[in-house]
Amino acid sequence: MLGMLFNDRECKELDYVIRKELDEMLMDLDDKRLDQDIRQSIAKRYKVVFRMYARFAPQKELSKYARNNRFPQTKH
């Protein structure tokens, strides 16, 4: 496990960057032109980034990025 210390400005920037990345991945997952294998890779990455975001995001913000049945879940 790694630990990091951020000041307030850095925390806000990290929050912004992660939210934008989640937004981009959601758009890609919704893009039917992408191959299913690529979409599965994006879904796995989304899961990792979402868990990172879940460590510090308020519940209200977190619910905006929780995946639902719009996208098929990847199987392990």
Protein backbone atom coordinates (compact mmCIF):
# COMPACT_ATOMS: atom_id res chain seq x y z
CA MET A 1 0.00 0.00 0.00
CA LEU A 2 1.20 3.48 -0.82
CA GLY A 3 0.34 6.71 0.91
CA MET A 4 0.43 10.21 -0.51
CA LEU A 5 -0.07 13.64 0.96
CA PHE A 6 -1.76 16.32 -1.11
CA ASN A 7 -2.59 19.91 -0.33
CA ASP A 8 -6.13 21.21 -0.92
CA ARG A 9 -5.42 22.44 -4.44
CA GLU A 10 -3.84 19.14 -5.44
CA CYS A 11 -6.82 17.23 -4.04
CA LYS A 12 -9.21 19.31 -6.12
CA GLU A 13 -7.09 18.74 -9.21
CA LEU A 14 -6.96 14.98 -8.62
CA ASP A 15 -10.73 14.95 -8.15
CA TYR A 16 -11.19 16.82 -11.43
CA VAL A 17 -8.81 14.56 -13.38
CA ILE A 18 -10.41 11.36 -12.12
CA ARG A 19 -13.95 12.61 -12.82
CA LYS A 20 -13.00 13.58 -16.37
CA GLU A 21 -11.38 10.19 -16.92
CA LEU A 22 -14.51 8.42 -15.66
CA ASP A 23 -16.65 10.58 -17.98
CA GLU A 24 -14.48 9.68 -20.96
CA MET A 25 -14.62 5.97 -20.18
CA LEU A 26 -18.40 6.09 -19.81
CA MET A 27 -18.67 7.69 -23.24
CA ASP A 28 -16.39 5.01 -24.70
CA LEU A 29 -18.41 2.24 -23.08
CA ASP A 30 -21.54 3.67 -24.68
CA ASP A 31 -19.91 3.80 -28.13
CA LYS A 32 -21.25 0.84 -30.11
CA ARG A 33 -18.57 1.29 -32.76
CA LEU A 34 -15.88 -0.03 -30.43
CA ASP A 35 -15.04 -3.71 -30.46
CA GLN A 36 -16.39 -5.74 -27.54
CA ASP A 37 -12.86 -6.67 -26.40
CA ILE A 38 -11.90 -3.01 -26.22
CA ARG A 39 -15.05 -2.17 -24.31
CA GLN A 40 -14.29 -4.96 -21.83
CA SER A 41 -10.80 -3.56 -21.30
CA ILE A 42 -12.26 -0.12 -20.70
CA ALA A 43 -14.78 -1.61 -18.26
CA LYS A 44 -11.98 -3.23 -16.24
CA ARG A 45 -10.04 0.02 -16.15
CA TYR A 46 -13.20 1.91 -15.19
CA LYS A 47 -13.61 -0.37 -12.20
CA VAL A 48 -10.09 0.41 -10.97
CA VAL A 49 -10.41 4.17 -11.45
CA PHE A 50 -13.87 4.20 -9.86
CA ARG A 51 -12.50 2.45 -6.77
CA MET A 52 -9.76 5.07 -6.56
CA TYR A 53 -12.37 7.82 -6.77
CA ALA A 54 -14.56 6.08 -4.18
CA ARG A 55 -11.85 6.49 -1.55
CA PHE A 56 -12.33 10.23 -1.29
CA ALA A 57 -15.48 11.22 -3.16
CA PRO A 58 -18.67 12.16 -1.32
CA GLN A 59 -21.49 9.64 -1.68
CA LYS A 60 -23.59 12.06 -3.74
CA GLU A 61 -20.78 12.50 -6.29
CA LEU A 62 -19.95 8.83 -6.26
CA SER A 63 -23.48 7.85 -7.23
CA LYS A 64 -23.12 9.82 -10.48
CA TYR A 65 -20.41 7.43 -11.63
CA ALA A 66 -21.78 4.14 -10.30
CA ARG A 67 -22.32 1.83 -13.24
CA ASN A 68 -25.73 0.36 -13.75
CA ASN A 69 -27.22 -2.06 -16.26
CA ARG A 70 -26.62 0.30 -19.19
CA PHE A 71 -23.36 -1.50 -19.80
CA PRO A 72 -22.70 -5.22 -19.71
CA GLN A 73 -20.49 -6.13 -16.77
CA THR A 74 -17.29 -7.96 -17.59
CA LYS A 75 -16.88 -11.50 -16.34
CA HIS A 76 -13.69 -12.58 -14.61
